[in-house]
Amino acid sequence: MTVYDLPAVNATLNGISAVLLVIGYVLIRKRRIAQHRRVMLAAFATSTLFLICYVIYHANVGSRPFTGQ
């Protein structure tokens, strides 16, 4: 794995975080507090991993301009 693989990892981590947040919302609406807490901690962990990967990528690659239309 190289630093250029990190955007795909970032997208995956963001997707997982989004799904976990939706699951957490459903759980809290159903008053399942313990499960909600675990899912929210998992969402926080994946978001933290995303931030770490994002910073590593941009520290190594820098700013990349959009070359499309």
N, C-alpha and C. Protein backbone atom coordinates (compact mmCIF):
# COMPACT_ATOMS: atom_id res chain seq x y z
N MET A 1 0.84 -1.18 0.00
CA MET A 1 0.00 0.00 0.00
C MET A 1 0.89 1.24 0.00
N THR A 2 0.54 2.18 -0.87
CA THR A 2 1.27 3.43 -0.93
C THR A 2 0.38 4.56 -0.46
N VAL A 3 0.95 5.73 -0.38
CA VAL A 3 0.20 6.91 0.05
C VAL A 3 -0.90 7.24 -0.97
N TYR A 4 -0.73 6.82 -2.21
CA TYR A 4 -1.71 7.10 -3.25
C TYR A 4 -2.94 6.19 -3.15
N ASP A 5 -2.88 5.18 -2.30
CA ASP A 5 -4.03 4.32 -2.05
C ASP A 5 -4.94 4.90 -0.96
N LEU A 6 -4.47 5.91 -0.25
CA LEU A 6 -5.22 6.44 0.88
C LEU A 6 -6.55 7.11 0.52
N PRO A 7 -6.71 7.75 -0.65
CA PRO A 7 -8.04 8.30 -0.95
C PRO A 7 -9.15 7.23 -0.97
N ALA A 8 -8.84 6.04 -1.46
CA ALA A 8 -9.83 4.96 -1.44
C ALA A 8 -10.10 4.51 0.00
N VAL A 9 -9.07 4.46 0.81
CA VAL A 9 -9.24 4.12 2.22
C VAL A 9 -10.08 5.18 2.91
N ASN A 10 -9.82 6.45 2.61
CA ASN A 10 -10.59 7.54 3.19
C ASN A 10 -12.07 7.44 2.83
N ALA A 11 -12.34 7.16 1.57
CA ALA A 11 -13.74 7.03 1.13
C ALA A 11 -14.43 5.88 1.84
N THR A 12 -13.72 4.78 2.00
CA THR A 12 -14.28 3.63 2.69
C THR A 12 -14.56 3.95 4.16
N LEU A 13 -13.61 4.57 4.81
CA LEU A 13 -13.80 4.93 6.22
C LEU A 13 -14.95 5.92 6.40
N ASN A 14 -15.08 6.88 5.48
CA ASN A 14 -16.20 7.81 5.56
C ASN A 14 -17.52 7.10 5.36
N GLY A 15 -17.57 6.16 4.42
CA GLY A 15 -18.79 5.39 4.19
C GLY A 15 -19.19 4.57 5.40
N ILE A 16 -18.21 3.93 6.01
CA ILE A 16 -18.47 3.14 7.21
C ILE A 16 -18.97 4.03 8.34
N SER A 17 -18.36 5.20 8.50
CA SER A 17 -18.80 6.13 9.54
C SER A 17 -20.24 6.57 9.31
N ALA A 18 -20.58 6.85 8.07
CA ALA A 18 -21.95 7.28 7.76
C ALA A 18 -22.96 6.19 8.09
N VAL A 19 -22.64 4.96 7.72
CA VAL A 19 -23.54 3.84 8.01
C VAL A 19 -23.68 3.66 9.52
N LEU A 20 -22.58 3.74 10.24
CA LEU A 20 -22.64 3.60 11.69
C LEU A 20 -23.46 4.71 12.34
N LEU A 21 -23.37 5.92 11.83
CA LEU A 21 -24.17 7.01 12.37
C LEU A 21 -25.67 6.78 12.16
N VAL A 22 -26.03 6.27 11.00
CA VAL A 22 -27.44 5.96 10.74
C VAL A 22 -27.92 4.84 11.66
N ILE A 23 -27.10 3.82 11.81
CA ILE A 23 -27.45 2.73 12.72
C ILE A 23 -27.61 3.25 14.15
N GLY A 24 -26.70 4.12 14.56
CA GLY A 24 -26.78 4.71 15.89
C GLY A 24 -28.05 5.52 16.08
N TYR A 25 -28.46 6.23 15.06
CA TYR A 25 -29.70 7.01 15.14
C TYR A 25 -30.90 6.07 15.33
N VAL A 26 -30.93 5.00 14.55
CA VAL A 26 -32.03 4.04 14.68
C VAL A 26 -32.03 3.42 16.08
N LEU A 27 -30.87 3.07 16.57
CA LEU A 27 -30.79 2.45 17.90
C LEU A 27 -31.25 3.40 19.00
N ILE A 28 -30.89 4.66 18.93
CA ILE A 28 -31.29 5.58 19.99
C ILE A 28 -32.79 5.84 19.92
N ARG A 29 -33.35 5.85 18.72
CA ARG A 29 -34.80 6.02 18.59
C ARG A 29 -35.56 4.83 19.19
N LYS A 30 -34.92 3.66 19.16
CA LYS A 30 -35.52 2.45 19.75
C LYS A 30 -35.17 2.30 21.22
N ARG A 31 -34.49 3.30 21.79
CA ARG A 31 -34.08 3.30 23.20
C ARG A 31 -33.13 2.16 23.56
N ARG A 32 -32.31 1.76 22.62
CA ARG A 32 -31.30 0.72 22.87
C ARG A 32 -29.98 1.43 23.14
N ILE A 33 -29.86 1.93 24.35
CA ILE A 33 -28.77 2.84 24.75
C ILE A 33 -27.40 2.16 24.67
N ALA A 34 -27.28 0.96 25.20
CA ALA A 34 -25.97 0.29 25.22
C ALA A 34 -25.47 0.02 23.81
N GLN A 35 -26.34 -0.46 22.93
CA GLN A 35 -25.93 -0.71 21.55
C GLN A 35 -25.60 0.59 20.84
N HIS A 36 -26.39 1.62 21.11
CA HIS A 36 -26.13 2.94 20.52
C HIS A 36 -24.74 3.44 20.92
N ARG A 37 -24.40 3.30 22.19
CA ARG A 37 -23.09 3.75 22.67
C ARG A 37 -21.96 3.02 21.93
N ARG A 38 -22.08 1.72 21.78
CA ARG A 38 -21.03 0.95 21.09
C ARG A 38 -20.90 1.37 19.63
N VAL A 39 -22.03 1.59 18.97
CA VAL A 39 -21.99 1.99 17.56
C VAL A 39 -21.41 3.39 17.42
N MET A 40 -21.74 4.29 18.35
CA MET A 40 -21.19 5.64 18.29
C MET A 40 -19.68 5.63 18.53
N LEU A 41 -19.22 4.77 19.42
CA LEU A 41 -17.77 4.65 19.63
C LEU A 41 -17.08 4.10 18.39
N ALA A 42 -17.72 3.16 17.72
CA ALA A 42 -17.15 2.63 16.47
C ALA A 42 -17.12 3.72 15.39
N ALA A 43 -18.18 4.53 15.32
CA ALA A 43 -18.21 5.64 14.35
C ALA A 43 -17.10 6.65 14.66
N PHE A 44 -16.90 6.92 15.93
CA PHE A 44 -15.83 7.84 16.33
C PHE A 44 -14.46 7.27 15.95
N ALA A 45 -14.27 5.98 16.16
CA ALA A 45 -12.99 5.34 15.82
C ALA A 45 -12.72 5.39 14.32
N THR A 46 -13.75 5.09 13.50
CA THR A 46 -13.54 5.13 12.05
C THR A 46 -13.31 6.56 11.57
N SER A 47 -13.98 7.52 12.19
CA SER A 47 -13.75 8.92 11.83
C SER A 47 -12.34 9.37 12.21
N THR A 48 -11.86 8.89 13.33
CA THR A 48 -10.49 9.20 13.75
C THR A 48 -9.47 8.60 12.79
N LEU A 49 -9.71 7.35 12.38
CA LEU A 49 -8.82 6.73 11.39
C LEU A 49 -8.84 7.49 10.07
N PHE A 50 -10.04 7.95 9.67
CA PHE A 50 -10.14 8.76 8.46
C PHE A 50 -9.27 10.01 8.58
N LEU A 51 -9.39 10.71 9.70
CA LEU A 51 -8.62 11.95 9.89
C LEU A 51 -7.12 11.68 9.83
N ILE A 52 -6.69 10.60 10.45
CA ILE A 52 -5.26 10.26 10.42
C ILE A 52 -4.80 9.99 9.00
N CYS A 53 -5.56 9.19 8.26
CA CYS A 53 -5.20 8.88 6.87
C CYS A 53 -5.23 10.12 6.00
N TYR A 54 -6.21 10.99 6.23
CA TYR A 54 -6.35 12.22 5.46
C TYR A 54 -5.13 13.12 5.67
N VAL A 55 -4.73 13.29 6.91
CA VAL A 55 -3.58 14.14 7.22
C VAL A 55 -2.30 13.54 6.64
N ILE A 56 -2.13 12.24 6.77
CA ILE A 56 -0.94 11.58 6.20
C ILE A 56 -0.89 11.78 4.70
N TYR A 57 -2.02 11.59 4.02
CA TYR A 57 -2.06 11.75 2.56
C TYR A 57 -1.68 13.17 2.16
N HIS A 58 -2.33 14.16 2.78
CA HIS A 58 -2.08 15.54 2.37
C HIS A 58 -0.73 16.05 2.85
N ALA A 59 -0.17 15.48 3.88
CA ALA A 59 1.18 15.86 4.30
C ALA A 59 2.21 15.37 3.29
N ASN A 60 1.93 14.25 2.64
CA ASN A 60 2.87 13.68 1.67
C ASN A 60 2.63 14.17 0.24
N VAL A 61 1.39 14.36 -0.13
CA VAL A 61 1.06 14.69 -1.51
C VAL A 61 0.82 16.19 -1.69
N GLY A 62 0.30 16.83 -0.68
CA GLY A 62 -0.02 18.25 -0.78
C GLY A 62 -1.38 18.46 -1.44
N SER A 63 -1.59 19.67 -1.92
CA SER A 63 -2.86 20.02 -2.55
C SER A 63 -2.86 19.54 -4.00
N ARG A 64 -3.95 18.94 -4.43
CA ARG A 64 -4.07 18.45 -5.79
C ARG A 64 -5.23 19.17 -6.46
N PRO A 65 -4.98 20.00 -7.48
CA PRO A 65 -6.06 20.71 -8.15
C PRO A 65 -6.94 19.76 -8.96
N PHE A 66 -8.23 20.09 -9.04
CA PHE A 66 -9.16 19.31 -9.84
C PHE A 66 -8.90 19.59 -11.31
N THR A 67 -8.67 18.57 -12.11
CA THR A 67 -8.32 18.76 -13.51
C THR A 67 -9.49 18.54 -14.46
N GLY A 68 -10.66 18.26 -13.92
CA GLY A 68 -11.84 18.02 -14.76
C GLY A 68 -12.51 19.32 -15.16
N GLN A 69 -13.69 19.20 -15.71
CA GLN A 69 -14.44 20.38 -16.17
C GLN A 69 -15.02 21.13 -15.01
